[in-house]
Amino acid sequence: MLNVGRRVLFSLALISLAMYGCRNEHRTRLYELQLADRFRCNQIDHRIDFKNRIDTLNLIAQAYDHGCYEKVLRYGTRAQAEYRQKTFSILKETSNLFLPDGTLIDYVLESYERAFLSFLIASSYLKLDQIDDAKVELRRLDHELMTRLYNFGEDPVNILLQAVLWEKLGEVDESRVDWNRLQGQKGLDESIRGFAVKRMGAIDQKEAIRSGWKVYAIDSFPEVEWNLKWVNSTSGYFSIKPARRFIDACASDTGLRLSAQSWFYKIATRHRNEYHPLLNLQSWIRLPVGFAYGVTTFAFGTGIAVGGCALDGMMRGAGNFCDDAIRAGFEVMKESPEVVRKTLEPDLRHWENVPAAFLATTAEALEDENCIRALGDDLHRRAKRIL
């Protein structure tokens, strides 16, 4: 009997030690996770360099993804101030004619980038329970969309994000204004327009505010590809396309999905005369410069081949030096088309670390939203909640 009791006590001791170990392991993992998050936030401080504007914007988006909302506020507000206005320099603008587009020119935020940056800042204020500051920033977002700076123009994506965020903040009248602006956007998918009209009607009927809105980012913004196009081009002599197509718009009873194709359009039409006459003029002036560089490269390669063979003949060589000169000259001549292309390459810089599409829904779970189920498992897995 005594032995049985000892065995029971020994077993209980082992179980207690195991449970303590599990709790301790859980605490250790939780501590490591918290430490990893702080490490990620601190890494933003070490990596950010405001001279590199695109990397800075990408890091601000990364800070938001990691929950480093204080970093978003610190660096996002600074980027707003420093990247907003175009500063003209006669020397830089003139020198830029003889170099690839944008080599000497500081990047200036597109209007949709200014607005999305305001959205991230407003959302960060909301995450930190600074409601009044979030409302102030949302009004700034509205101002950024309407102000005619160097880059200007509204876009439906930011208007949608603004409408949803106003509702989450309980400002239904402000939200109705943005739903109305959304339904009035040109070229908008009719399903999105219909959803906005219904939402306005629901607000007018004094229905409950949809404070339960959730916003998901879907996939990453595609790379931008370009080529030369001499006829039927709407942007100088460039043909600019996304590396993959954007997903279609969708609306259901509980939410709507909208791609960032309107953002891509701003990049693709950057060199249109109607939008930026100076960029359009510079691209046409750069055209003969690019061809001149290409001809010079080809002539230089020809000179290497001819000169090498002439020198080999003068030295009464066996022809080996001539053969090497021809091969070297041919390699240089082959680069002439690439020299032309690099010189004519348009400035397509943009904020890269942004979503390809957004889903706004009031469904309790993502799987309950029809506009996400229709995308398939692959894109479903790439949906990440951001609000």
Protein backbone atom coordinates (compact mmCIF):
# COMPACT_ATOMS: atom_id res chain seq x y z
CA MET A 1 0.00 0.00 0.00
CA LEU A 2 2.87 2.33 0.88
CA ASN A 3 4.48 1.63 -2.48
CA VAL A 4 1.25 2.42 -4.28
CA GLY A 5 1.03 5.74 -2.46
CA ARG A 6 4.59 6.59 -3.36
CA ARG A 7 3.89 5.81 -7.00
CA VAL A 8 0.83 8.09 -6.98
CA LEU A 9 2.78 10.94 -5.37
CA PHE A 10 5.63 10.46 -7.82
CA SER A 11 3.19 10.52 -10.77
CA LEU A 12 1.52 13.67 -9.45
CA ALA A 13 4.92 15.31 -9.08
CA LEU A 14 5.81 14.44 -12.67
CA ILE A 15 2.47 15.79 -13.94
CA SER A 16 2.97 19.01 -11.94
CA LEU A 17 6.46 19.45 -13.35
CA ALA A 18 5.18 18.85 -16.88
CA MET A 19 2.34 21.37 -16.42
CA TYR A 20 4.76 23.91 -15.00
CA GLY A 21 7.08 23.29 -17.93
CA CYS A 22 4.26 23.82 -20.42
CA ARG A 23 3.20 27.05 -18.70
CA ASN A 24 6.79 28.20 -18.55
CA GLU A 25 7.31 27.29 -22.20
CA HIS A 26 4.14 29.23 -23.14
CA ARG A 27 5.37 32.26 -21.20
CA THR A 28 8.76 31.97 -22.85
CA ARG A 29 7.21 31.81 -26.32
CA LEU A 30 4.91 34.72 -25.53
CA TYR A 31 7.90 36.73 -24.28
CA GLU A 32 9.86 35.82 -27.42
CA LEU A 33 6.93 36.89 -29.60
CA GLN A 34 6.66 40.24 -27.81
CA LEU A 35 10.42 40.65 -28.05
CA ALA A 36 10.30 39.84 -31.78
CA ASP A 37 7.62 42.51 -32.32
CA ARG A 38 9.67 45.11 -30.44
CA PHE A 39 12.69 44.04 -32.45
CA ARG A 40 10.80 44.57 -35.70
CA CYS A 41 9.68 48.02 -34.60
CA ASN A 42 13.19 48.97 -33.53
CA GLN A 43 14.54 47.73 -36.85
CA ILE A 44 12.40 50.36 -38.59
CA ASP A 45 14.41 53.05 -36.77
CA HIS A 46 17.71 51.58 -37.95
CA ARG A 47 16.67 50.99 -41.56
CA ILE A 48 14.73 54.12 -42.41
CA ASP A 49 16.49 56.74 -44.54
CA PHE A 50 14.37 59.69 -45.66
CA LYS A 51 16.70 60.35 -48.59
CA ASN A 52 15.47 57.07 -50.09
CA ARG A 53 11.83 57.97 -50.46
CA ILE A 54 10.41 54.74 -51.88
CA ASP A 55 12.13 52.60 -49.24
CA THR A 56 10.85 54.96 -46.56
CA LEU A 57 7.25 54.57 -47.74
CA ASN A 58 7.65 50.79 -47.89
CA LEU A 59 9.00 50.75 -44.33
CA ILE A 60 6.07 52.86 -43.09
CA ALA A 61 3.66 50.30 -44.57
CA GLN A 62 5.73 47.53 -43.00
CA ALA A 63 5.57 49.29 -39.63
CA TYR A 64 1.76 49.35 -39.88
CA ASP A 65 1.66 45.65 -40.77
CA HIS A 66 3.76 44.83 -37.70
CA GLY A 67 1.60 46.95 -35.40
CA CYS A 68 4.30 49.59 -34.87
CA TYR A 69 1.72 52.37 -34.88
CA GLU A 70 3.92 54.89 -33.07
CA LYS A 71 6.47 54.49 -35.87
CA VAL A 72 3.75 55.06 -38.47
CA LEU A 73 2.80 58.31 -36.75
CA ARG A 74 6.40 59.45 -36.33
CA TYR A 75 7.63 58.71 -39.83
CA GLY A 76 4.33 58.96 -41.70
CA THR A 77 3.69 62.56 -40.65
CA ARG A 78 7.25 63.47 -41.59
CA ALA A 79 6.87 61.85 -45.01
CA GLN A 80 3.65 63.81 -45.50
CA ALA A 81 5.50 67.06 -44.96
CA GLU A 82 8.66 66.27 -46.94
CA TYR A 83 7.35 64.24 -49.91
CA ARG A 84 4.21 66.22 -50.70
CA GLN A 85 5.41 69.15 -52.79
CA LYS A 86 7.37 69.24 -56.03
CA THR A 87 10.51 71.40 -55.81
CA PHE A 88 11.70 72.63 -59.19
CA SER A 89 15.38 73.13 -60.01
CA ILE A 90 16.41 74.42 -63.43
CA LEU A 91 19.77 72.65 -63.18
CA LYS A 92 18.25 69.29 -62.20
CA GLU A 93 15.39 69.48 -64.70
CA THR A 94 17.81 70.33 -67.51
CA SER A 95 20.35 67.68 -66.55
CA ASN A 96 17.53 65.15 -66.31
CA LEU A 97 17.08 65.40 -70.09
CA PHE A 98 20.40 63.64 -70.67
CA LEU A 99 19.89 60.87 -68.07
CA PRO A 100 17.23 58.24 -67.42
CA ASP A 101 14.04 59.90 -66.25
CA GLY A 102 14.00 60.69 -62.52
CA THR A 103 17.72 60.11 -61.93
CA LEU A 104 18.26 63.54 -60.37
CA ILE A 105 14.66 64.30 -59.37
CA ASP A 106 13.27 63.65 -55.89
CA TYR A 107 10.17 61.48 -55.88
CA VAL A 108 6.90 63.29 -55.14
CA LEU A 109 3.92 61.44 -53.68
CA GLU A 110 1.07 60.73 -56.06
CA SER A 111 -2.32 61.95 -54.82
CA TYR A 112 -3.47 58.40 -54.02
CA GLU A 113 -0.24 57.84 -52.04
CA ARG A 114 -0.80 60.99 -50.00
CA ALA A 115 -4.34 59.84 -49.24
CA PHE A 116 -3.36 56.26 -48.38
CA LEU A 117 -0.62 57.56 -46.10
CA SER A 118 -3.27 59.63 -44.32
CA PHE A 119 -5.42 56.50 -44.03
CA LEU A 120 -2.57 54.57 -42.37
CA ILE A 121 -1.95 57.47 -39.99
CA ALA A 122 -5.66 57.82 -39.13
CA SER A 123 -5.95 54.05 -38.61
CA SER A 124 -2.87 54.13 -36.36
CA TYR A 125 -4.48 56.84 -34.24
CA LEU A 126 -7.61 54.66 -34.01
CA LYS A 127 -5.56 51.62 -32.98
CA LEU A 128 -4.02 53.75 -30.21
CA ASP A 129 -7.50 55.02 -29.13
CA GLN A 130 -6.66 58.59 -30.14
CA ILE A 131 -10.08 59.15 -31.72
CA ASP A 132 -9.98 62.94 -32.14
CA ASP A 133 -6.60 62.75 -33.86
CA ALA A 134 -7.95 60.04 -36.17
CA LYS A 135 -10.81 62.34 -37.20
CA VAL A 136 -8.43 65.22 -37.86
CA GLU A 137 -6.29 62.99 -40.07
CA LEU A 138 -9.33 61.72 -41.97
CA ARG A 139 -10.27 65.30 -42.80
CA ARG A 140 -6.72 65.76 -44.04
CA LEU A 141 -7.19 62.70 -46.26
CA ASP A 142 -10.17 64.40 -47.83
CA HIS A 143 -8.07 67.50 -48.38
CA GLU A 144 -5.26 65.47 -50.00
CA LEU A 145 -7.68 63.98 -52.52
CA MET A 146 -9.13 67.35 -53.50
CA THR A 147 -6.05 69.60 -53.48
CA ARG A 148 -4.49 70.31 -56.89
CA LEU A 149 -0.79 69.95 -56.20
CA TYR A 150 1.83 68.70 -58.67
CA ASN A 151 0.11 65.29 -58.47
CA PHE A 152 -3.65 65.52 -58.09
CA GLY A 153 -6.92 63.65 -58.51
CA GLU A 154 -9.44 61.58 -56.55
CA ASP A 155 -9.52 57.79 -56.54
CA PRO A 156 -12.32 55.41 -55.49
CA VAL A 157 -10.15 53.21 -53.25
CA ASN A 158 -9.24 55.95 -50.78
CA ILE A 159 -12.81 57.30 -50.84
CA LEU A 160 -14.04 53.82 -49.87
CA LEU A 161 -11.48 53.52 -47.07
CA GLN A 162 -12.46 56.96 -45.84
CA ALA A 163 -16.19 56.13 -45.82
CA VAL A 164 -15.63 52.93 -43.85
CA LEU A 165 -13.32 54.56 -41.34
CA TRP A 166 -15.80 57.38 -40.70
CA GLU A 167 -18.47 54.79 -39.89
CA LYS A 168 -16.11 52.99 -37.51
CA LEU A 169 -15.58 56.33 -35.78
CA GLY A 170 -19.36 56.83 -35.49
CA GLU A 171 -19.46 59.84 -37.85
CA VAL A 172 -22.29 58.65 -40.08
CA ASP A 173 -22.90 62.03 -41.75
CA GLU A 174 -19.26 62.26 -42.82
CA SER A 175 -19.46 58.70 -44.08
CA ARG A 176 -22.52 59.46 -46.20
CA VAL A 177 -20.63 62.25 -47.95
CA ASP A 178 -17.94 59.78 -48.99
CA TRP A 179 -20.42 57.09 -50.08
CA ASN A 180 -21.97 59.75 -52.28
CA ARG A 181 -18.57 60.69 -53.70
CA LEU A 182 -17.82 57.03 -54.34
CA GLN A 183 -21.01 56.40 -56.30
CA GLY A 184 -20.24 59.47 -58.43
CA GLN A 185 -16.79 58.29 -59.56
CA LYS A 186 -16.35 57.94 -63.32
CA GLY A 187 -15.70 54.44 -64.67
CA LEU A 188 -16.71 52.81 -61.38
CA ASP A 189 -18.01 49.24 -61.53
CA GLU A 190 -21.80 49.31 -61.34
CA SER A 191 -21.90 46.80 -58.49
CA ILE A 192 -19.76 49.14 -56.37
CA ARG A 193 -21.90 52.11 -57.37
CA GLY A 194 -25.04 50.20 -56.40
CA PHE A 195 -23.59 49.26 -53.00
CA ALA A 196 -22.72 52.90 -52.28
CA VAL A 197 -26.24 54.03 -53.22
CA LYS A 198 -27.77 51.39 -50.93
CA ARG A 199 -25.49 52.44 -48.10
CA MET A 200 -26.58 56.06 -48.53
CA GLY A 201 -30.22 54.94 -48.43
CA ALA A 202 -29.60 52.95 -45.26
CA ILE A 203 -27.99 55.98 -43.63
CA ASP A 204 -30.92 58.18 -44.67
CA GLN A 205 -33.30 55.64 -43.14
CA LYS A 206 -31.40 55.99 -39.84
CA GLU A 207 -30.27 52.38 -39.84
CA ALA A 208 -27.64 51.30 -37.33
CA ILE A 209 -24.12 52.50 -37.98
CA ARG A 210 -21.90 49.72 -39.28
CA SER A 211 -19.17 50.10 -36.70
CA GLY A 212 -18.26 46.48 -37.33
CA TRP A 213 -16.58 47.19 -40.64
CA LYS A 214 -13.41 45.21 -41.29
CA VAL A 215 -10.90 46.03 -44.01
CA TYR A 216 -8.63 43.43 -45.61
CA ALA A 217 -5.66 43.92 -47.93
CA ILE A 218 -5.55 41.38 -50.76
CA ASP A 219 -2.31 40.41 -52.48
CA SER A 220 0.54 42.85 -53.26
CA PHE A 221 0.65 45.58 -55.86
CA PRO A 222 1.96 44.14 -59.17
CA GLU A 223 5.21 45.20 -60.75
CA VAL A 224 5.00 47.82 -63.48
CA GLU A 225 6.24 46.89 -66.95
CA TRP A 226 6.85 49.21 -69.87
CA ASN A 227 7.78 49.20 -73.52
CA LEU A 228 8.07 51.64 -76.40
CA LYS A 229 4.89 52.26 -78.36
CA TRP A 230 4.94 54.70 -81.25
CA VAL A 231 1.23 54.70 -82.21
CA ASN A 232 -2.03 54.82 -80.25
CA SER A 233 -0.28 55.54 -76.97
CA THR A 234 -2.01 57.64 -74.30
CA SER A 235 1.19 58.33 -72.36
CA GLY A 236 3.89 59.79 -74.59
CA TYR A 237 5.49 56.95 -76.54
CA PHE A 238 5.21 54.45 -73.67
CA SER A 239 3.10 51.35 -73.21
CA ILE A 240 2.80 50.73 -69.47
CA LYS A 241 1.11 47.62 -68.09
CA PRO A 242 0.90 45.69 -64.80
CA ALA A 243 2.85 42.44 -64.60
CA ARG A 244 -0.43 40.68 -63.73
CA ARG A 245 -4.05 41.72 -64.09
CA PHE A 246 -6.01 43.24 -61.24
CA ILE A 247 -8.92 41.30 -59.79
CA ASP A 248 -12.45 42.38 -60.69
CA ALA A 249 -14.66 44.47 -58.46
CA CYS A 250 -17.32 42.77 -56.36
CA ALA A 251 -20.22 43.75 -54.11
CA SER A 252 -22.36 41.59 -51.84
CA ASP A 253 -24.95 42.20 -49.13
CA THR A 254 -22.22 42.49 -46.50
CA GLY A 255 -19.30 44.14 -48.27
CA LEU A 256 -17.40 45.10 -51.39
CA ARG A 257 -14.05 44.42 -53.02
CA LEU A 258 -12.19 47.05 -55.02
CA SER A 259 -8.83 46.72 -56.74
CA ALA A 260 -6.06 49.33 -56.80
CA GLN A 261 -6.23 49.56 -60.59
CA SER A 262 -7.06 53.25 -60.30
CA TRP A 263 -3.70 53.67 -58.52
CA PHE A 264 -1.91 51.92 -61.36
CA TYR A 265 -3.67 54.21 -63.84
CA LYS A 266 -2.06 57.23 -62.18
CA ILE A 267 1.38 55.65 -62.68
CA ALA A 268 0.63 54.58 -66.25
CA THR A 269 -0.56 58.03 -67.34
CA ARG A 270 2.09 60.02 -65.52
CA HIS A 271 3.64 61.20 -68.81
CA ARG A 272 0.41 62.35 -70.45
CA ASN A 273 0.48 65.95 -71.64
CA GLU A 274 -2.87 66.61 -69.94
CA TYR A 275 -1.52 65.48 -66.55
CA HIS A 276 2.15 66.51 -66.51
CA PRO A 277 3.08 68.65 -69.54
CA LEU A 278 6.69 69.03 -68.32
CA LEU A 279 7.26 65.26 -68.04
CA ASN A 280 5.69 64.77 -71.46
CA LEU A 281 7.93 67.43 -73.01
CA GLN A 282 11.04 66.03 -71.34
CA SER A 283 10.30 62.53 -72.64
CA TRP A 284 10.12 63.81 -76.24
CA ILE A 285 13.33 65.82 -75.86
CA ARG A 286 15.03 62.76 -74.37
CA LEU A 287 14.08 60.68 -77.44
CA PRO A 288 16.82 61.97 -79.83
CA VAL A 289 19.27 61.98 -76.91
CA GLY A 290 18.63 58.29 -76.32
CA PHE A 291 19.08 57.42 -79.98
CA ALA A 292 22.28 59.49 -80.09
CA TYR A 293 23.63 57.52 -77.12
CA GLY A 294 22.72 54.29 -78.91
CA VAL A 295 24.42 55.36 -82.15
CA THR A 296 27.49 56.46 -80.18
CA THR A 297 27.68 53.08 -78.43
CA PHE A 298 27.36 51.26 -81.76
CA ALA A 299 30.03 53.47 -83.33
CA PHE A 300 32.33 52.91 -80.38
CA GLY A 301 31.99 49.14 -80.77
CA THR A 302 32.67 49.46 -84.50
CA GLY A 303 35.75 51.53 -83.73
CA ILE A 304 37.06 48.85 -81.38
CA ALA A 305 36.69 46.17 -84.06
CA VAL A 306 38.10 48.20 -86.96
CA GLY A 307 40.86 49.81 -84.91
CA GLY A 308 41.90 46.49 -83.42
CA CYS A 309 42.19 44.84 -86.81
CA ALA A 310 44.06 47.83 -88.24
CA LEU A 311 46.49 47.73 -85.35
CA ASP A 312 46.94 43.98 -85.78
CA GLY A 313 47.76 44.55 -89.46
CA MET A 314 50.27 47.28 -88.68
CA MET A 315 51.99 44.98 -86.20
CA ARG A 316 51.95 42.14 -88.75
CA GLY A 317 50.18 39.94 -86.25
CA ALA A 318 48.76 36.51 -86.90
CA GLY A 319 45.16 37.79 -86.69
CA ASN A 320 44.46 36.75 -83.11
CA PHE A 321 44.38 40.34 -81.89
CA CYS A 322 41.96 41.22 -84.72
CA ASP A 323 39.66 38.36 -83.78
CA ASP A 324 39.62 39.49 -80.15
CA ALA A 325 38.95 43.09 -81.20
CA ILE A 326 36.01 42.01 -83.38
CA ARG A 327 34.49 39.99 -80.53
CA ALA A 328 34.96 42.87 -78.08
CA GLY A 329 33.51 45.39 -80.53
CA PHE A 330 30.53 43.16 -81.25
CA GLU A 331 29.79 42.87 -77.51
CA VAL A 332 29.78 46.67 -77.23
CA MET A 333 27.58 47.06 -80.32
CA LYS A 334 25.05 44.59 -78.87
CA GLU A 335 24.54 46.94 -75.92
CA SER A 336 23.40 49.88 -78.08
CA PRO A 337 19.66 48.96 -78.01
CA GLU A 338 19.82 48.59 -74.22
CA VAL A 339 21.54 51.97 -73.93
CA VAL A 340 18.66 53.52 -75.89
CA ARG A 341 16.09 51.74 -73.73
CA LYS A 342 17.75 52.75 -70.46
CA THR A 343 17.97 56.38 -71.54
CA LEU A 344 14.31 56.49 -72.58
CA GLU A 345 13.05 54.56 -69.55
CA PRO A 346 10.20 56.52 -67.89
CA ASP A 347 10.17 57.33 -64.21
CA LEU A 348 7.76 54.70 -62.88
CA ARG A 349 8.74 54.93 -59.22
CA HIS A 350 5.86 54.31 -56.85
CA TRP A 351 5.02 53.13 -53.36
CA GLU A 352 5.57 49.40 -53.85
CA ASN A 353 4.46 47.92 -50.52
CA VAL A 354 0.73 48.53 -50.96
CA PRO A 355 -2.12 46.06 -51.59
CA ALA A 356 -3.42 45.12 -55.02
CA ALA A 357 -7.01 45.19 -53.75
CA PHE A 358 -9.10 45.95 -50.67
CA LEU A 359 -12.07 44.18 -49.15
CA ALA A 360 -14.40 46.04 -46.80
CA THR A 361 -16.96 43.83 -45.08
CA THR A 362 -19.25 43.62 -42.05
CA ALA A 363 -19.30 39.81 -42.12
CA GLU A 364 -18.31 38.23 -38.82
CA ALA A 365 -15.70 35.97 -40.42
CA LEU A 366 -13.76 36.43 -43.64
CA GLU A 367 -15.08 33.08 -44.90
CA ASP A 368 -18.65 34.43 -44.66
CA GLU A 369 -17.98 37.18 -47.20
CA ASN A 370 -19.07 36.23 -50.74
CA CYS A 371 -16.56 38.61 -52.33
CA ILE A 372 -13.65 36.67 -50.83
CA ARG A 373 -15.03 33.18 -51.44
CA ALA A 374 -15.23 33.91 -55.16
CA LEU A 375 -11.46 34.54 -55.38
CA GLY A 376 -10.30 31.00 -54.70
CA ASP A 377 -8.01 29.58 -52.05
CA ASP A 378 -4.79 31.21 -53.26
CA LEU A 379 -5.96 34.83 -53.01
CA HIS A 380 -8.03 33.96 -49.96
CA ARG A 381 -4.83 33.05 -48.14
CA ARG A 382 -3.26 36.36 -49.18
CA ALA A 383 -5.99 38.43 -47.53
CA LYS A 384 -4.75 40.19 -44.41
CA ARG A 385 -6.85 42.29 -42.07
CA ILE A 386 -5.58 45.85 -41.75
CA LEU A 387 -8.52 47.50 -39.94
